[in-house]
Structure formats: C-alpha cells, structure tokens
Amino acid sequence: MAGTGDQRVFGKRTPQHVLILASGERVRHMVIRPWMTAAAICFIAIFTIGYLAATTYLVLRDDLIGAAMARQARIQHDYEDRISALRAQLDRITSRQLLDQQVVEQKVEKLLEQQNALFSRHGKLGDLMERAEEQGLTVDTPKPVNAFQAPAKEKQAGLTGGLKAIDRLLSADTHSAAQSSASAFAPTGESVADRADRVFSRVTLSLKAIEQEQFARIHGLTADADRKAQAMAAIMRRTGVDLPAQDQAATDGNSKNGLGGPFVEPIGVNAFDASLDRLDLALTRLDTVRQTAKELPFSNPAPGRDITSPFGNRIDPFLGRLALHAGIDFQADVGASVRATGSGKVTAAGYSGGYGNMVEIDHGQGITTRFGHLSGILVSVGDQVEAGQIIGRAGSTGRSTGPHIHYEVRRNGDAIDPMRFLNAGLKLTTYM
C-alpha cells in the first residue's frame, strides 16, 4: 500500500510516452496517447496512399493522353483518307459527267437540227397543203406499220417528254451529276449515258415517225393529184380537147419532143425537197387541167331541163325535109335562165338571122358556144363570163316554132355534138 498521494495500480501499468518540446527557457511536454498514435498512423497511411495514387495518376496520365492523341490522330487520318477518296471519286464523277455532257450536247444538237428540219419542212408543206385543200384533195395518213410509227398523241407525248428529259439532263449541276453518276452503281446498272441514250432513242423515234408521216402524206397527195389529173385529162381528150403541152406530156407519161439520156441523181436535192417538188408539180398539173375544164363548155346551159331535139340530121319543121340540126334544144318557158357552159369572152350578143337573139362565147382552143332564140340578152360583146353565169333568157325569136333554148358547140367553126361535152362534164364533176 502506498502513502498519501501515491497511486495504486492494479495489474501492469501502461507506459506513457512523453514528448518534450523546449524553446529557450520554456519547456513543454505532451503525453502521447495511444489514440494519438493511431490517428498519426492513419494520417500517414492516408497521405502515403494519396501520394502513391497521385504519383500513379501522374505517371499514367501521360500514357492515357498519348493513347488518346494517337487514337485521335488515327481517326483524323482515316477521315482525311476518306475525304481524299471522296474527292477523287467526285473528280472521276465530274470528269465522267463532262464527257457525258459533251455527248448529250452533241446528240441534242443533232436532234435540234432534225427538229428544225421538220419545222422547216412543215412550213414548206403548209402552203402545198392549203393548195391541196383548195383542190379538194384529202388523204388519210396510213396506219402505223412499223416500230417507227405510232398514234399522233403518243408520239407527241413521247416527243414532249423526251425534250423535257433532255432539258433536265442539260440543266443538271455538279451535285445532281454526282448523285446521278452515283446511281449508276445502283443495282439497276443504268448510268447517265445509258439514260440519255434511252431518252434520245425515244425522241429520235418520235421525230422519225413524224418525218415518215410527212412523207406518207406528201406521197398520198401527189398520187391523188396525179390520179385526178390523169382521169380528167383522159375524159377531156375524148372530146377532142387539146391540153397544154406540159400537162399532156405529164399525164401521158411521154412527150412529142425527143428526150433521153442516162439517169443521174439530181445534185443538191434531198428526198423531202424532191417529194415537195413532185407534189407541187402534181398540184399545178391538176389546177391546169381543172382550169381548162372550167374554161371549156362542160356545163349544162339549162340544168334540170329535158332535151327536146338532139344533134344531127332531122326533118326541118319549116321545110319538111331532111336537114342538119347543129345543136340541141332544151325545153324551156319564155324567160327561163340560160347559163354559160364555160368561162370565156362574149364575141356576139344580138340578133342573128335564124338564131334570133343569139349570144356567142369564145372559150379558146377554137371552141365556141352559141345560145339562140333568146327573149333577152344580159351580156355584151367583150364581156368576160364564167361557167354558170346567166347570160340571157329563153324565148322563141328567129326561126323557131316555140319557146326553147337552142345550144351549139363549135370547133373552128364546125358544129359538133354538144352531148360529148355534157357527158364529159358529168364525169368531170366528180373530180372538180
């Protein structure tokens, strides 16, 4: 047992650690407790771990940054390679598009030449078509017989669509060209050039179809004009009419003048112009024949009236013996209209012996017509009359037994049967 102030400790006493701090005359001491030691150890351990972690981070950070930079460099390099490849592809596409564009422009120029030629031909053909319509010619366009021919509406639609497609091809910019060329690698395998060829083929077929229709129409009109001219000339020649020398040779296929020599193709004349020349010649020939038919006495002086006395020998009503009746008589009342049977010039208009009041018309080619026993005369000498024009009124003047129309046709002063001209006129009516 210890004295007063002594401490009694049961068991082993834990030794204390004292930390003495001296500064000059001052001395301080501090007892280091176990918890303080544990705290210091923990702090040192945490500091050491933090230091090691920071050192490790600093060491590994350079590696991470280097790896990230290397990865970024690889990505950038790949991107640049991709850009270079795309630029090279774009250059190839642009070059190809330029080549295609040149081809397209050449084809468009050719198509425009064909189209302008067709428009020019249409202008030349227009005048001839008007002349053909005036001549009463109509020709149905032949039905399509091959791949080049199609109905007009379909051809027009194909031509319009083709021209629009050409316009789109020509107005395409580089970007659209790249897209179009890129589509060439699509599964369809159709490139810009292939598509252009398809468009141009469609337009070319349409133009050729129009051209063939023009040729067919020209040939049809020419054949129709030749057929009518030949038919009319044949009818007129049977009456003894002399056609103009040029028309006679054309309709007969020969000429009185000697012609010959080896056949040589014309110089500087294309097929279309040659066909237009043939059509123009055929229309001119038909017009000449028709004009001749209008000038000569092929009409009826009293349409719808009966013939009471024909041409030829008959018993004279006044003498009772055989005599030549130089014309034909039409039944008519006094005052009925008497019409000119062809165009010509009035050479006589007045009283003339047995004819009574008479009108004589000169039609050319030595052919004249006479209208006798008129009750009234409506023309004068020197007048130009047309076929069907009223020139007088029926009557019974002169050597006549009653009102009627006496009509004569004379060639070079000799009387011929007017029925030859009247019958020919009936046939010619179908071609006039």
Protein backbone atom coordinates (compact mmCIF):
# COMPACT_ATOMS: atom_id res chain seq x y z
CA MET A 1 0.00 0.00 0.00
CA ALA A 2 1.43 3.38 -0.88
CA GLY A 3 1.31 6.59 1.11
CA THR A 4 -0.86 9.69 0.55
CA GLY A 5 -0.57 10.90 -2.99
CA ASP A 6 0.69 7.58 -4.24
CA GLN A 7 -1.41 5.87 -6.86
CA ARG A 8 -2.26 2.26 -6.55
CA VAL A 9 -2.35 0.43 -9.72
CA PHE A 10 -3.77 -2.95 -10.07
CA GLY A 11 -2.13 -5.05 -12.75
CA LYS A 12 0.51 -3.89 -15.24
CA ARG A 13 0.71 -0.14 -15.84
CA THR A 14 0.74 1.05 -19.46
CA PRO A 15 3.87 3.09 -20.11
CA GLN A 16 3.31 6.62 -21.18
CA HIS A 17 5.23 8.37 -23.93
CA VAL A 18 6.05 11.96 -23.23
CA LEU A 19 7.07 14.40 -25.95
CA ILE A 20 9.18 17.21 -24.57
CA LEU A 21 9.42 20.45 -26.55
CA ALA A 22 11.98 23.05 -25.43
CA SER A 23 12.15 26.57 -26.76
CA GLY A 24 14.58 28.77 -24.89
CA GLU A 25 13.71 28.70 -21.22
CA ARG A 26 10.35 27.35 -21.93
CA VAL A 27 9.94 23.61 -21.76
CA ARG A 28 6.74 21.96 -22.69
CA HIS A 29 5.85 18.33 -22.65
CA MET A 30 3.00 16.41 -24.11
CA VAL A 31 1.91 12.95 -23.36
CA ILE A 32 1.37 10.86 -26.43
CA ARG A 33 -1.75 8.86 -26.05
CA PRO A 34 -2.41 5.64 -27.94
CA TRP A 35 -5.28 7.14 -29.93
CA MET A 36 -2.98 9.92 -31.00
CA THR A 37 -0.53 7.37 -32.27
CA ALA A 38 -3.31 5.54 -34.17
CA ALA A 39 -4.52 8.80 -35.63
CA ALA A 40 -0.99 9.70 -36.73
CA ILE A 41 -0.50 6.31 -38.30
CA CYS A 42 -3.85 6.60 -40.11
CA PHE A 43 -2.98 10.05 -41.35
CA ILE A 44 0.40 8.91 -42.57
CA ALA A 45 -1.17 5.89 -44.25
CA ILE A 46 -3.81 8.05 -45.95
CA PHE A 47 -1.20 10.56 -47.03
CA THR A 48 1.01 7.79 -48.37
CA ILE A 49 -1.87 6.23 -50.29
CA GLY A 50 -2.87 9.63 -51.67
CA TYR A 51 0.70 10.35 -52.66
CA LEU A 52 1.08 7.00 -54.33
CA ALA A 53 -2.29 7.47 -56.11
CA ALA A 54 -1.32 10.95 -57.28
CA THR A 55 2.06 9.73 -58.44
CA THR A 56 0.44 6.80 -60.25
CA TYR A 57 -2.11 9.15 -61.90
CA LEU A 58 0.63 11.49 -62.99
CA VAL A 59 2.60 8.61 -64.41
CA LEU A 60 -0.37 7.01 -66.16
CA ARG A 61 -1.85 10.30 -67.33
CA ASP A 62 0.84 10.80 -69.92
CA ASP A 63 0.22 7.33 -71.27
CA LEU A 64 -3.57 7.95 -71.40
CA ILE A 65 -3.12 11.31 -73.09
CA GLY A 66 -0.67 9.79 -75.54
CA ALA A 67 -3.08 6.95 -76.32
CA ALA A 68 -5.98 9.40 -76.75
CA MET A 69 -3.90 11.62 -79.02
CA ALA A 70 -2.79 8.62 -81.05
CA ARG A 71 -6.41 7.49 -81.40
CA GLN A 72 -7.47 11.00 -82.43
CA ALA A 73 -4.65 11.09 -84.96
CA ARG A 74 -5.75 7.77 -86.40
CA ILE A 75 -9.36 9.00 -86.64
CA GLN A 76 -8.25 12.20 -88.32
CA HIS A 77 -6.01 10.29 -90.70
CA ASP A 78 -8.86 7.93 -91.57
CA TYR A 79 -11.16 10.91 -92.06
CA GLU A 80 -8.66 12.63 -94.33
CA ASP A 81 -8.21 9.42 -96.30
CA ARG A 82 -11.98 9.18 -96.65
CA ILE A 83 -12.19 12.81 -97.79
CA SER A 84 -9.40 12.21 -100.32
CA ALA A 85 -11.19 9.11 -101.61
CA LEU A 86 -14.48 11.02 -101.90
CA ARG A 87 -12.72 13.92 -103.62
CA ALA A 88 -11.10 11.54 -106.07
CA GLN A 89 -14.48 9.85 -106.68
CA LEU A 90 -16.09 13.26 -107.17
CA ASP A 91 -13.36 14.19 -109.66
CA ARG A 92 -13.98 10.96 -111.55
CA ILE A 93 -17.73 11.58 -111.48
CA THR A 94 -17.24 15.17 -112.65
CA SER A 95 -14.95 14.06 -115.46
CA ARG A 96 -17.39 11.39 -116.49
CA GLN A 97 -20.24 13.86 -116.31
CA LEU A 98 -18.33 16.30 -118.50
CA LEU A 99 -17.81 13.56 -121.06
CA ASP A 100 -21.47 12.57 -120.83
CA GLN A 101 -22.41 16.24 -121.10
CA GLN A 102 -20.43 16.59 -124.31
CA VAL A 103 -22.10 13.51 -125.73
CA VAL A 104 -25.51 14.80 -124.64
CA GLU A 105 -24.87 18.20 -126.17
CA GLN A 106 -23.80 16.64 -129.45
CA LYS A 107 -26.92 14.48 -129.53
CA VAL A 108 -29.12 17.41 -128.55
CA GLU A 109 -27.60 19.49 -131.34
CA LYS A 110 -28.33 16.70 -133.79
CA LEU A 111 -31.90 16.34 -132.52
CA LEU A 112 -32.43 20.09 -132.71
CA GLU A 113 -31.22 20.02 -136.30
CA GLN A 114 -33.69 17.25 -137.06
CA GLN A 115 -36.46 19.11 -135.26
CA ASN A 116 -35.68 22.39 -137.05
CA ALA A 117 -35.62 20.49 -140.33
CA LEU A 118 -39.06 19.05 -139.55
CA PHE A 119 -40.41 22.50 -138.64
CA SER A 120 -38.93 23.93 -141.82
CA ARG A 121 -40.45 21.11 -143.82
CA HIS A 122 -43.77 21.69 -142.11
CA GLY A 123 -43.62 25.33 -143.19
CA LYS A 124 -42.88 24.35 -146.78
CA LEU A 125 -45.57 21.70 -146.64
CA GLY A 126 -48.16 24.12 -145.23
CA ASP A 127 -48.56 26.08 -148.47
CA LEU A 128 -48.87 22.91 -150.51
CA MET A 129 -51.43 21.54 -148.03
CA GLU A 130 -53.51 24.68 -148.44
CA ARG A 131 -53.33 24.31 -152.21
CA ALA A 132 -54.30 20.65 -151.88
CA GLU A 133 -57.30 21.59 -149.73
CA GLU A 134 -58.33 24.18 -152.30
CA GLN A 135 -58.11 21.43 -154.91
CA GLY A 136 -60.34 19.24 -152.72
CA LEU A 137 -57.65 16.63 -152.06
CA THR A 138 -57.86 14.63 -148.86
CA VAL A 139 -55.53 11.82 -147.88
CA ASP A 140 -55.85 9.63 -144.81
CA THR A 141 -52.49 9.07 -143.15
CA PRO A 142 -51.59 5.35 -143.35
CA LYS A 143 -51.89 3.36 -140.18
CA PRO A 144 -48.65 2.56 -138.34
CA VAL A 145 -46.92 -0.40 -139.92
CA ASN A 146 -43.62 -0.48 -138.05
CA ALA A 147 -41.94 0.48 -134.82
CA PHE A 148 -41.22 3.99 -136.05
CA GLN A 149 -44.89 4.83 -136.46
CA ALA A 150 -47.26 5.43 -133.58
CA PRO A 151 -50.51 7.30 -132.96
CA ALA A 152 -50.09 11.06 -133.12
CA LYS A 153 -50.94 11.71 -129.45
CA GLU A 154 -48.49 9.10 -128.21
CA LYS A 155 -45.75 10.42 -130.49
CA GLN A 156 -46.41 13.97 -129.33
CA ALA A 157 -46.29 12.91 -125.67
CA GLY A 158 -43.11 10.92 -126.24
CA LEU A 159 -41.51 13.83 -128.04
CA THR A 160 -42.52 16.31 -125.33
CA GLY A 161 -41.36 14.00 -122.54
CA GLY A 162 -38.08 13.34 -124.32
CA LEU A 163 -37.38 17.04 -124.78
CA LYS A 164 -38.14 17.69 -121.10
CA ALA A 165 -35.79 14.89 -120.09
CA ILE A 166 -33.08 16.35 -122.33
CA ASP A 167 -33.61 19.74 -120.71
CA ARG A 168 -33.21 18.20 -117.26
CA LEU A 169 -30.02 16.46 -118.32
CA LEU A 170 -28.57 19.65 -119.75
CA SER A 171 -29.53 21.80 -116.72
CA ALA A 172 -28.16 19.37 -114.10
CA ASP A 173 -25.44 20.87 -111.85
CA THR A 174 -22.37 19.11 -110.45
CA HIS A 175 -24.15 17.96 -107.31
CA SER A 176 -27.01 16.41 -109.24
CA ALA A 177 -24.46 14.99 -111.66
CA ALA A 178 -22.69 13.33 -108.75
CA GLN A 179 -25.95 11.91 -107.49
CA SER A 180 -26.88 10.72 -110.99
CA SER A 181 -23.49 9.14 -111.54
CA ALA A 182 -23.58 7.58 -108.12
CA SER A 183 -26.86 5.99 -109.07
CA ALA A 184 -25.00 4.31 -111.90
CA PHE A 185 -23.60 1.91 -109.32
CA ALA A 186 -27.10 1.03 -108.14
CA PRO A 187 -28.44 -2.46 -108.78
CA THR A 188 -30.20 -1.20 -111.93
CA GLY A 189 -26.79 -0.56 -113.50
CA GLU A 190 -28.14 2.38 -115.60
CA SER A 191 -25.70 5.26 -115.96
CA VAL A 192 -26.36 8.81 -117.09
CA ALA A 193 -25.16 7.96 -120.59
CA ASP A 194 -27.50 4.94 -120.70
CA ARG A 195 -30.42 7.04 -119.56
CA ALA A 196 -29.53 9.75 -122.09
CA ASP A 197 -29.33 7.15 -124.86
CA ARG A 198 -32.75 5.88 -123.89
CA VAL A 199 -34.21 9.40 -123.94
CA PHE A 200 -32.60 10.24 -127.27
CA SER A 201 -33.75 6.98 -128.77
CA ARG A 202 -37.34 7.78 -127.80
CA VAL A 203 -37.14 11.32 -129.21
CA THR A 204 -35.40 10.12 -132.38
CA LEU A 205 -38.13 7.53 -132.94
CA SER A 206 -40.77 10.24 -132.50
CA LEU A 207 -39.02 12.52 -134.98
CA LYS A 208 -38.65 9.70 -137.48
CA ALA A 209 -42.32 8.81 -137.08
CA ILE A 210 -43.32 12.42 -137.77
CA GLU A 211 -40.99 12.51 -140.78
CA GLN A 212 -42.47 9.30 -142.15
CA GLU A 213 -45.99 10.67 -141.70
CA GLN A 214 -44.99 13.78 -143.64
CA PHE A 215 -43.58 11.65 -146.45
CA ALA A 216 -46.66 9.43 -146.45
CA ARG A 217 -48.97 12.43 -146.63
CA ILE A 218 -46.94 14.05 -149.43
CA HIS A 219 -46.84 10.84 -151.45
CA GLY A 220 -50.56 10.29 -150.91
CA LEU A 221 -51.45 13.81 -152.02
CA THR A 222 -49.14 13.52 -155.03
CA ALA A 223 -50.70 10.22 -156.07
CA ASP A 224 -54.22 11.58 -155.59
CA ALA A 225 -53.46 14.74 -157.60
CA ASP A 226 -51.84 12.70 -160.40
CA ARG A 227 -54.76 10.28 -160.47
CA LYS A 228 -57.36 13.05 -160.73
CA ALA A 229 -55.36 15.00 -163.32
CA GLN A 230 -54.91 11.91 -165.47
CA ALA A 231 -58.56 10.94 -165.17
CA MET A 232 -59.77 14.44 -166.06
CA ALA A 233 -57.28 14.72 -168.93
CA ALA A 234 -58.45 11.39 -170.33
CA ILE A 235 -62.09 12.50 -170.19
CA MET A 236 -61.31 15.83 -171.82
CA ARG A 237 -59.16 14.31 -174.57
CA ARG A 238 -62.08 12.09 -175.60
CA THR A 239 -63.95 15.27 -176.50
CA GLY A 240 -61.09 16.35 -178.74
CA VAL A 241 -59.73 18.98 -176.35
CA ASP A 242 -56.02 19.70 -176.58
CA LEU A 243 -54.38 20.01 -173.19
CA PRO A 244 -51.33 22.25 -172.63
CA ALA A 245 -48.17 20.59 -173.94
CA GLN A 246 -46.54 20.34 -170.49
CA ASP A 247 -49.63 18.80 -168.92
CA GLN A 248 -50.17 16.50 -171.89
CA ALA A 249 -46.66 15.10 -171.51
CA ALA A 250 -47.05 14.71 -167.76
CA THR A 251 -50.38 12.92 -167.91
CA ASP A 252 -49.42 10.72 -170.82
CA GLY A 253 -46.00 9.91 -169.41
CA ASN A 254 -44.31 10.88 -172.67
CA SER A 255 -43.69 13.88 -174.86
CA LYS A 256 -43.81 14.64 -178.55
CA ASN A 257 -40.34 16.11 -178.31
CA GLY A 258 -37.37 13.74 -178.25
CA LEU A 259 -35.95 13.28 -174.76
CA GLY A 260 -33.42 10.81 -173.38
CA GLY A 261 -30.08 10.15 -171.75
CA PRO A 262 -28.77 8.08 -168.82
CA PHE A 263 -30.41 8.64 -165.45
CA VAL A 264 -28.26 10.61 -162.98
CA GLU A 265 -29.36 11.54 -159.46
CA PRO A 266 -30.07 15.28 -159.06
CA ILE A 267 -27.45 17.44 -157.38
CA GLY A 268 -28.14 19.15 -154.07
CA VAL A 269 -31.74 17.92 -153.75
CA ASN A 270 -32.77 15.81 -150.79
CA ALA A 271 -35.61 13.33 -150.79
CA PHE A 272 -38.04 15.63 -148.97
CA ASP A 273 -37.49 18.58 -151.30
CA ALA A 274 -37.81 16.25 -154.28
CA SER A 275 -41.12 14.94 -152.93
CA LEU A 276 -42.32 18.53 -152.41
CA ASP A 277 -41.36 19.35 -156.00
CA ARG A 278 -43.32 16.35 -157.23
CA LEU A 279 -46.34 17.38 -155.15
CA ASP A 280 -46.09 20.97 -156.39
CA LEU A 281 -45.91 19.74 -159.98
CA ALA A 282 -48.88 17.42 -159.44
CA LEU A 283 -50.98 20.22 -157.90
CA THR A 284 -50.01 22.60 -160.71
CA ARG A 285 -50.96 19.98 -163.29
CA LEU A 286 -54.30 19.31 -161.58
CA ASP A 287 -55.00 23.03 -161.33
CA THR A 288 -54.19 23.47 -165.02
CA VAL A 289 -56.48 20.63 -166.04
CA ARG A 290 -59.30 21.95 -163.84
CA GLN A 291 -58.84 25.47 -165.16
CA THR A 292 -59.05 24.11 -168.68
CA ALA A 293 -62.20 22.20 -167.71
CA LYS A 294 -63.73 25.42 -166.34
CA GLU A 295 -62.89 27.35 -169.48
CA LEU A 296 -64.33 24.78 -171.89
CA PRO A 297 -68.09 24.18 -172.27
CA PHE A 298 -68.56 21.17 -170.00
CA SER A 299 -71.52 22.64 -168.03
CA ASN A 300 -75.22 22.44 -168.78
CA PRO A 301 -76.88 25.61 -170.13
CA ALA A 302 -80.27 24.59 -168.70
CA PRO A 303 -79.74 22.33 -165.66
CA GLY A 304 -82.64 20.01 -164.95
CA ARG A 305 -84.43 20.62 -168.27
CA ASP A 306 -85.25 17.93 -170.83
CA ILE A 307 -83.70 17.75 -174.30
CA THR A 308 -86.42 18.03 -176.92
CA SER A 309 -84.25 17.74 -180.05
CA PRO A 310 -80.77 16.16 -180.29
CA PHE A 311 -77.84 16.99 -182.54
CA GLY A 312 -77.82 15.51 -186.06
CA ASN A 313 -80.00 15.15 -189.11
CA ARG A 314 -83.76 15.65 -188.68
CA ILE A 315 -86.83 16.76 -190.61
CA ASP A 316 -86.82 20.52 -190.80
CA PRO A 317 -90.02 21.83 -189.14
CA PHE A 318 -90.44 24.60 -191.71
CA LEU A 319 -89.37 22.89 -194.96
CA GLY A 320 -90.41 19.35 -194.10
CA ARG A 321 -87.20 17.83 -195.49
CA LEU A 322 -84.03 16.39 -194.00
CA ALA A 323 -81.64 18.96 -192.54
CA LEU A 324 -78.78 19.12 -190.04
CA HIS A 325 -79.70 20.29 -186.57
CA ALA A 326 -76.35 21.86 -185.50
CA GLY A 327 -77.13 21.81 -181.79
CA ILE A 328 -79.52 20.51 -179.17
CA ASP A 329 -82.77 22.03 -177.91
CA PHE A 330 -83.81 22.23 -174.25
CA GLN A 331 -87.43 22.57 -173.20
CA ALA A 332 -87.89 25.97 -171.54
CA ASP A 333 -90.54 28.59 -170.94
CA VAL A 334 -90.12 32.17 -172.01
CA GLY A 335 -87.87 33.97 -169.53
CA ALA A 336 -86.11 30.87 -168.21
CA SER A 337 -82.44 31.39 -167.28
CA VAL A 338 -79.79 30.48 -169.82
CA ARG A 339 -76.32 29.88 -168.36
CA ALA A 340 -72.83 29.94 -169.85
CA THR A 341 -71.37 26.44 -170.08
CA GLY A 342 -67.77 27.59 -169.59
CA SER A 343 -65.72 30.71 -168.98
CA GLY A 344 -64.79 32.81 -171.96
CA LYS A 345 -65.28 36.06 -173.84
CA VAL A 346 -68.52 37.14 -175.46
CA THR A 347 -67.92 37.58 -179.21
CA ALA A 348 -71.53 38.13 -180.30
CA ALA A 349 -74.59 39.38 -178.46
CA GLY A 350 -77.55 40.41 -180.66
CA TYR A 351 -79.97 39.43 -183.37
CA SER A 352 -78.53 36.96 -185.91
CA GLY A 353 -80.88 35.70 -188.65
CA GLY A 354 -82.41 32.29 -187.93
CA TYR A 355 -80.90 32.26 -184.42
CA GLY A 356 -82.95 35.24 -183.42
CA ASN A 357 -81.37 36.83 -180.38
CA MET A 358 -78.06 35.00 -180.00
CA VAL A 359 -75.04 35.01 -177.70
CA GLU A 360 -71.74 33.50 -178.81
CA ILE A 361 -68.86 32.84 -176.40
CA ASP A 362 -65.25 32.05 -177.32
CA HIS A 363 -63.70 29.52 -174.87
CA GLY A 364 -60.27 29.22 -176.52
CA GLN A 365 -58.70 26.34 -178.43
CA GLY A 366 -61.03 27.23 -181.33
CA ILE A 367 -64.12 26.17 -179.33
CA THR A 368 -67.19 28.43 -179.22
CA THR A 369 -70.73 28.05 -177.96
CA ARG A 370 -73.94 29.60 -179.27
CA PHE A 371 -77.25 30.22 -177.49
CA GLY A 372 -80.18 31.01 -179.84
CA HIS A 373 -83.84 32.12 -179.84
CA LEU A 374 -83.33 34.17 -176.64
CA SER A 375 -86.03 36.51 -175.48
CA GLY A 376 -83.45 38.67 -173.70
CA ILE A 377 -79.68 39.14 -173.72
CA LEU A 378 -77.91 40.00 -170.44
CA VAL A 379 -74.31 40.36 -171.69
CA SER A 380 -72.45 42.49 -174.19
CA VAL A 381 -69.70 41.86 -176.71
CA GLY A 382 -66.30 41.80 -174.96
CA ASP A 383 -67.67 40.71 -171.57
CA GLN A 384 -65.78 38.01 -169.70
CA VAL A 385 -68.18 35.41 -168.37
CA GLU A 386 -67.77 32.43 -166.06
CA ALA A 387 -69.27 28.97 -166.17
CA GLY A 388 -72.80 29.00 -164.75
CA GLN A 389 -73.29 32.75 -165.24
CA ILE A 390 -76.74 33.78 -166.55
CA ILE A 391 -76.25 35.32 -169.96
CA GLY A 392 -79.87 35.54 -171.26
CA ARG A 393 -83.48 34.44 -171.10
CA ALA A 394 -85.16 31.66 -173.08
CA GLY A 395 -87.57 32.65 -175.85
CA SER A 396 -88.71 31.93 -179.39
CA THR A 397 -87.06 34.58 -181.52
CA GLY A 398 -85.76 33.88 -185.02
CA ARG A 399 -86.55 30.68 -186.89
CA SER A 400 -88.40 28.88 -184.06
CA THR A 401 -91.70 27.12 -183.58
CA GLY A 402 -91.93 27.79 -179.85
CA PRO A 403 -90.01 28.83 -176.72
CA HIS A 404 -86.92 26.74 -176.07
CA ILE A 405 -83.13 27.02 -175.69
CA HIS A 406 -81.04 26.24 -178.76
CA TYR A 407 -77.44 25.36 -177.76
CA GLU A 408 -74.48 24.69 -180.08
CA VAL A 409 -70.80 23.80 -179.63
CA ARG A 410 -68.42 24.53 -182.50
CA ARG A 411 -64.75 23.79 -183.04
CA ASN A 412 -63.03 26.03 -185.56
CA GLY A 413 -66.45 26.98 -186.87
CA ASP A 414 -67.67 23.41 -187.39
CA ALA A 415 -70.64 22.20 -185.34
CA ILE A 416 -70.02 19.18 -183.05
CA ASP A 417 -72.38 17.26 -180.83
CA PRO A 418 -72.76 19.16 -177.52
CA MET A 419 -73.64 15.90 -175.76
CA ARG A 420 -69.98 14.87 -175.91
CA PHE A 421 -69.16 17.84 -173.69
CA LEU A 422 -72.22 17.46 -171.48
CA ASN A 423 -71.47 13.78 -170.80
CA ALA A 424 -67.81 14.60 -170.17
CA GLY A 425 -68.93 17.38 -167.82
CA LEU A 426 -70.97 14.92 -165.77
CA LYS A 427 -67.88 12.74 -165.36
CA LEU A 428 -65.64 15.70 -164.61
CA THR A 429 -67.98 16.83 -161.84
CA THR A 430 -66.71 14.06 -159.59
CA TYR A 431 -63.15 15.46 -159.87
CA MET A 432 -63.89 19.18 -159.64
